[in-house]
């Protein structure tokens, strides 16, 4: 029998691989670790990528993903789950099956549909399957403007559009929506949180000019999950996670990693001195 000892809050990330270390599971584990949690992971796909973009995507067989979940969840049950790349409808269905067995665990889902370089990361028939099967288990959905436009079937170009789109997306079945405005052409970035009770909270931050923004969405959703795992409510977790991402971007703006592509955030900047 194991002796009880000090434990860290556990966050499970279900996402794709990034060999360049800036996004996907690699960014998630760095974020989860930096914020004082213990990260476990389930690999869904192997994208061939670097700082210049995604060249190919190789999804894992659904039964292999099921085996990973069935092995991990009963043994190391997480306090929060972060989901990222889900490339096929069959993978979405398998994950939904397993999440339904753990309805008490909060789920943060970053619906990775389009890469920052414009590469489509999700098959067409996967979107509707995700809405039908996964959204009922999602506590917080974190789409960017392009993903919101796809889900809400409308152009999302202004803050007013963001308000309308967030309500349309919430009506698809997820409990709450954090609509990220990072792709908006403005010096001031607006993010909108539509809470489960229907209330709207706006967050604003100054845009940091930097080429090193790879994995920003992965990092934000993982950070929210980490703060939730640590016991914070979602509104507080979102506020702290956005500050963490802002600092991670700021502390990476002068880094040179890769050749002429988008470099990673600095996940391990000195939190105490920031």
Protein backbone atom coordinates (compact mmCIF):
# COMPACT_ATOMS: atom_id res chain seq x y z
CA UNK A 1 0.00 0.00 0.00
CA UNK A 2 1.37 3.40 -0.97
CA UNK A 3 2.01 5.93 1.76
CA UNK A 4 0.16 9.23 1.27
CA UNK A 5 2.48 12.18 0.66
CA UNK A 6 2.40 15.70 -0.68
CA UNK A 7 0.80 15.71 -4.14
CA UNK A 8 0.47 18.21 -6.94
CA UNK A 9 -2.83 18.99 -8.66
CA UNK A 10 -2.99 16.89 -11.82
CA UNK A 11 -3.87 18.20 -15.29
CA UNK A 12 -4.36 15.80 -18.20
CA UNK A 13 -3.67 17.16 -21.68
CA UNK A 14 -5.24 15.39 -24.66
CA UNK A 15 -3.56 16.91 -27.70
CA UNK A 16 -1.19 16.60 -30.64
CA UNK A 17 2.59 16.41 -30.67
CA UNK A 18 4.91 19.27 -31.60
CA UNK A 19 8.49 18.22 -32.21
CA UNK A 20 9.59 21.86 -32.29
CA UNK A 21 8.46 22.21 -28.67
CA UNK A 22 6.34 25.34 -29.02
CA UNK A 23 2.76 24.08 -29.20
CA UNK A 24 0.62 21.02 -28.52
CA UNK A 25 1.44 18.62 -25.72
CA UNK A 26 4.92 20.08 -25.29
CA UNK A 27 3.58 23.59 -24.63
CA UNK A 28 0.87 22.16 -22.37
CA UNK A 29 3.29 20.19 -20.18
CA UNK A 30 5.61 23.21 -19.88
CA UNK A 31 2.68 25.42 -18.84
CA UNK A 32 1.22 22.91 -16.42
CA UNK A 33 4.65 22.41 -14.81
CA UNK A 34 5.40 26.14 -14.62
CA UNK A 35 2.13 26.69 -12.77
CA UNK A 36 2.82 24.07 -10.12
CA UNK A 37 0.77 21.15 -11.38
CA UNK A 38 1.60 17.60 -12.47
CA UNK A 39 0.97 16.98 -16.16
CA UNK A 40 -0.16 13.73 -17.75
CA UNK A 41 -0.83 13.36 -21.46
CA UNK A 42 -2.70 11.45 -24.14
CA UNK A 43 -1.36 11.82 -27.67
CA UNK A 44 -3.97 12.20 -30.44
CA UNK A 45 -1.89 13.02 -33.51
CA UNK A 46 1.61 13.51 -34.86
CA UNK A 47 1.79 16.72 -36.87
CA UNK A 48 5.04 17.16 -38.78
CA UNK A 49 5.85 20.79 -38.03
CA UNK A 50 8.41 23.39 -37.10
CA UNK A 51 8.37 27.14 -36.46
CA UNK A 52 7.47 27.72 -40.12
CA UNK A 53 4.24 25.74 -39.99
CA UNK A 54 2.58 22.33 -40.31
CA UNK A 55 3.67 20.08 -43.19
CA UNK A 56 1.65 16.92 -42.50
CA UNK A 57 -0.69 15.49 -39.84
CA UNK A 58 -0.78 11.81 -38.90
CA UNK A 59 -3.69 11.02 -36.54
CA UNK A 60 -3.35 8.14 -34.09
CA UNK A 61 -5.73 5.14 -34.35
CA UNK A 62 -8.82 5.76 -32.17
CA UNK A 63 -8.38 2.50 -30.25
CA UNK A 64 -4.86 3.57 -29.25
CA UNK A 65 -6.22 6.85 -27.89
CA UNK A 66 -8.90 4.91 -25.99
CA UNK A 67 -6.22 2.66 -24.50
CA UNK A 68 -4.26 5.68 -23.28
CA UNK A 69 -7.33 7.18 -21.59
CA UNK A 70 -8.43 3.87 -20.07
CA UNK A 71 -4.92 3.36 -18.68
CA UNK A 72 -4.41 6.87 -17.28
CA UNK A 73 -7.73 8.11 -15.92
CA UNK A 74 -8.41 5.43 -13.26
CA UNK A 75 -4.80 5.50 -12.05
CA UNK A 76 -3.96 9.24 -12.04
CA UNK A 77 -7.31 11.02 -12.04
CA UNK A 78 -6.82 14.69 -12.95
CA UNK A 79 -8.40 17.71 -11.29
CA UNK A 80 -8.82 19.24 -14.77
CA UNK A 81 -8.53 18.15 -18.40
CA UNK A 82 -7.25 20.26 -21.29
CA UNK A 83 -8.07 19.11 -24.84
CA UNK A 84 -6.42 20.31 -28.02
CA UNK A 85 -6.04 18.72 -31.45
CA UNK A 86 -8.78 16.21 -32.31
CA UNK A 87 -8.25 15.50 -35.97
CA UNK A 88 -10.95 12.98 -36.91
CA UNK A 89 -14.59 12.24 -36.08
CA UNK A 90 -13.74 8.75 -34.81
CA UNK A 91 -11.18 10.18 -32.37
CA UNK A 92 -13.76 12.70 -31.13
CA UNK A 93 -16.27 9.91 -30.49
CA UNK A 94 -13.76 7.79 -28.56
CA UNK A 95 -12.73 10.71 -26.34
CA UNK A 96 -16.37 11.66 -25.71
CA UNK A 97 -17.08 8.08 -24.61
CA UNK A 98 -14.35 8.21 -21.99
CA UNK A 99 -15.11 11.75 -20.76
CA UNK A 100 -18.72 10.75 -20.14
CA UNK A 101 -17.42 8.41 -17.41
CA UNK A 102 -15.88 11.36 -15.54
CA UNK A 103 -18.52 14.12 -15.61
CA UNK A 104 -17.14 15.71 -12.41
CA UNK A 105 -13.82 16.66 -14.02
CA UNK A 106 -13.81 20.16 -15.60
CA UNK A 107 -12.76 20.17 -19.26
CA UNK A 108 -11.11 23.07 -21.11
CA UNK A 109 -11.22 22.53 -24.87
CA UNK A 110 -9.09 24.53 -27.30
CA UNK A 111 -10.75 23.53 -30.61
CA UNK A 112 -7.63 23.48 -32.77
CA UNK A 113 -9.12 23.80 -36.26
CA UNK A 114 -6.76 26.14 -38.09
CA UNK A 115 -3.07 26.72 -37.37
CA UNK A 116 -1.67 30.25 -37.10
CA UNK A 117 -0.03 29.63 -40.48
CA UNK A 118 -3.44 28.93 -42.04
CA UNK A 119 -3.21 25.12 -42.24
CA UNK A 120 -6.52 23.32 -41.69
CA UNK A 121 -6.05 20.96 -38.75
CA UNK A 122 -9.47 19.34 -38.50
CA UNK A 123 -11.39 17.25 -41.00
CA UNK A 124 -14.74 18.64 -42.17
CA UNK A 125 -16.92 15.89 -40.68
CA UNK A 126 -15.09 16.14 -37.37
CA UNK A 127 -16.59 19.54 -36.51
CA UNK A 128 -20.19 18.31 -36.30
CA UNK A 129 -19.17 15.16 -34.45
CA UNK A 130 -17.32 17.26 -31.89
CA UNK A 131 -20.38 19.48 -31.43
CA UNK A 132 -22.70 16.48 -31.04
CA UNK A 133 -20.52 14.28 -28.84
CA UNK A 134 -17.86 16.37 -27.07
CA UNK A 135 -19.50 19.73 -26.42
CA UNK A 136 -21.82 18.31 -23.72
CA UNK A 137 -18.69 17.43 -21.68
CA UNK A 138 -16.90 20.77 -22.26
CA UNK A 139 -16.85 23.18 -19.34
CA UNK A 140 -15.02 25.92 -21.24
CA UNK A 141 -14.45 26.23 -25.01
CA UNK A 142 -11.63 28.57 -26.08
CA UNK A 143 -11.92 29.32 -29.83
CA UNK A 144 -9.98 32.02 -31.66
CA UNK A 145 -11.68 34.32 -34.16
CA UNK A 146 -11.26 31.94 -37.13
CA UNK A 147 -12.62 28.98 -35.15
CA UNK A 148 -15.49 31.09 -33.82
CA UNK A 149 -16.41 32.11 -37.36
CA UNK A 150 -16.47 28.45 -38.39
CA UNK A 151 -18.59 27.38 -35.41
CA UNK A 152 -20.99 30.35 -35.46
CA UNK A 153 -21.30 30.46 -39.27
CA UNK A 154 -20.58 34.19 -39.40
CA UNK A 155 -17.75 36.65 -39.89
CA UNK A 156 -16.16 37.62 -36.57
CA UNK A 157 -14.25 40.86 -37.09
CA UNK A 158 -15.39 43.22 -34.32
CA UNK A 159 -16.03 43.06 -30.58
CA UNK A 160 -19.76 43.23 -31.33
CA UNK A 161 -19.36 40.19 -33.60
CA UNK A 162 -17.57 38.41 -30.76
CA UNK A 163 -20.53 38.94 -28.43
CA UNK A 164 -22.96 37.50 -30.98
CA UNK A 165 -20.70 34.59 -31.94
CA UNK A 166 -19.99 33.58 -28.34
CA UNK A 167 -23.73 33.21 -27.65
CA UNK A 168 -24.25 31.19 -30.83
CA UNK A 169 -21.38 28.89 -29.90
CA UNK A 170 -22.59 28.41 -26.31
CA UNK A 171 -25.98 27.40 -27.70
CA UNK A 172 -24.23 24.48 -29.44
CA UNK A 173 -23.97 22.75 -26.06
CA UNK A 174 -20.79 23.71 -24.18
CA UNK A 175 -21.16 25.26 -20.72
CA UNK A 176 -19.16 28.44 -21.36
CA UNK A 177 -17.06 30.16 -24.03
CA UNK A 178 -13.84 32.17 -23.95
CA UNK A 179 -13.59 33.88 -27.34
CA UNK A 180 -10.01 35.03 -27.94
CA UNK A 181 -9.40 38.22 -29.90
CA UNK A 182 -5.67 37.76 -30.43
CA UNK A 183 -6.00 37.70 -34.22
CA UNK A 184 -7.87 41.02 -34.33
CA UNK A 185 -6.02 43.82 -36.13
CA UNK A 186 -5.83 46.19 -33.20
CA UNK A 187 -3.28 47.42 -30.64
CA UNK A 188 -5.75 46.54 -27.87
CA UNK A 189 -6.81 42.90 -27.75
CA UNK A 190 -10.23 41.97 -26.40
CA UNK A 191 -11.20 38.56 -25.06
CA UNK A 192 -14.78 37.71 -24.13
CA UNK A 193 -15.85 35.19 -21.50
CA UNK A 194 -19.47 34.04 -21.70
CA UNK A 195 -20.07 32.33 -18.36
CA UNK A 196 -22.44 29.42 -17.69
CA UNK A 197 -25.01 31.83 -16.20
CA UNK A 198 -25.02 33.92 -19.41
CA UNK A 199 -23.04 36.84 -18.01
CA UNK A 200 -20.32 38.37 -20.20
CA UNK A 201 -16.89 39.46 -19.01
CA UNK A 202 -14.50 41.43 -21.23
CA UNK A 203 -10.72 41.39 -20.81
CA UNK A 204 -8.40 43.78 -22.59
CA UNK A 205 -4.63 43.76 -23.00
CA UNK A 206 -2.04 45.59 -25.06
CA UNK A 207 -0.68 43.71 -28.05
CA UNK A 208 3.00 42.77 -27.78
CA UNK A 209 4.88 42.96 -31.06
CA UNK A 210 6.68 39.64 -31.30
CA UNK A 211 7.30 36.82 -33.77
CA UNK A 212 7.33 34.37 -30.86
CA UNK A 213 3.64 33.60 -30.47
CA UNK A 214 3.63 29.93 -31.42
CA UNK A 215 1.39 27.87 -29.14
CA UNK A 216 -0.37 30.83 -27.54
CA UNK A 217 -3.79 29.13 -27.66
CA UNK A 218 -2.40 25.85 -26.31
CA UNK A 219 -0.66 27.71 -23.50
CA UNK A 220 -3.73 29.73 -22.51
CA UNK A 221 -6.08 26.75 -22.33
CA UNK A 222 -3.49 24.67 -20.43
CA UNK A 223 -2.94 27.56 -18.00
CA UNK A 224 -6.69 27.88 -17.35
CA UNK A 225 -6.88 24.13 -16.67
CA UNK A 226 -3.90 24.38 -14.31
CA UNK A 227 -5.41 27.20 -12.28
CA UNK A 228 -8.74 25.34 -12.12
CA UNK A 229 -6.89 22.21 -10.94
CA UNK A 230 -5.35 24.35 -8.21
CA UNK A 231 -8.86 25.16 -6.97
CA UNK A 232 -9.67 28.51 -8.60
CA UNK A 233 -13.04 29.31 -10.15
CA UNK A 234 -13.13 29.77 -13.91
CA UNK A 235 -13.33 33.57 -13.91
CA UNK A 236 -10.29 33.83 -11.64
CA UNK A 237 -8.47 31.09 -13.58
CA UNK A 238 -9.04 32.93 -16.86
CA UNK A 239 -7.73 36.20 -15.44
CA UNK A 240 -4.57 34.57 -14.07
CA UNK A 241 -4.03 32.48 -17.21
CA UNK A 242 -4.24 35.53 -19.47
CA UNK A 243 -1.70 37.35 -17.33
CA UNK A 244 0.61 34.31 -17.46
CA UNK A 245 0.37 34.16 -21.28
CA UNK A 246 0.95 37.92 -21.59
CA UNK A 247 4.11 37.61 -19.49
CA UNK A 248 5.26 34.50 -21.38
CA UNK A 249 4.94 36.39 -24.69
CA UNK A 250 6.70 39.45 -23.30
CA UNK A 251 9.62 37.40 -21.96
CA UNK A 252 10.03 35.56 -25.28
CA UNK A 253 9.96 38.51 -27.68
CA UNK A 254 13.76 38.69 -27.98
CA UNK A 255 14.39 34.94 -28.18
CA UNK A 256 15.69 33.47 -31.44
CA UNK A 257 14.51 29.88 -31.91
CA UNK A 258 14.08 28.57 -35.46
CA UNK A 259 14.68 30.31 -38.77
CA UNK A 260 12.25 33.09 -39.77
CA UNK A 261 9.24 31.30 -38.30
CA UNK A 262 7.06 31.82 -35.24
CA UNK A 263 9.04 30.95 -32.14
CA UNK A 264 7.63 29.69 -28.83
CA UNK A 265 6.56 31.53 -25.71
CA UNK A 266 8.87 31.58 -22.68
CA UNK A 267 6.86 29.26 -20.43
CA UNK A 268 9.45 29.30 -17.68
CA UNK A 269 9.98 33.04 -17.20
CA UNK A 270 10.67 33.94 -13.57
CA UNK A 271 7.17 34.28 -12.14
CA UNK A 272 8.44 35.78 -8.88
CA UNK A 273 10.21 38.66 -10.61
CA UNK A 274 7.47 39.49 -13.13
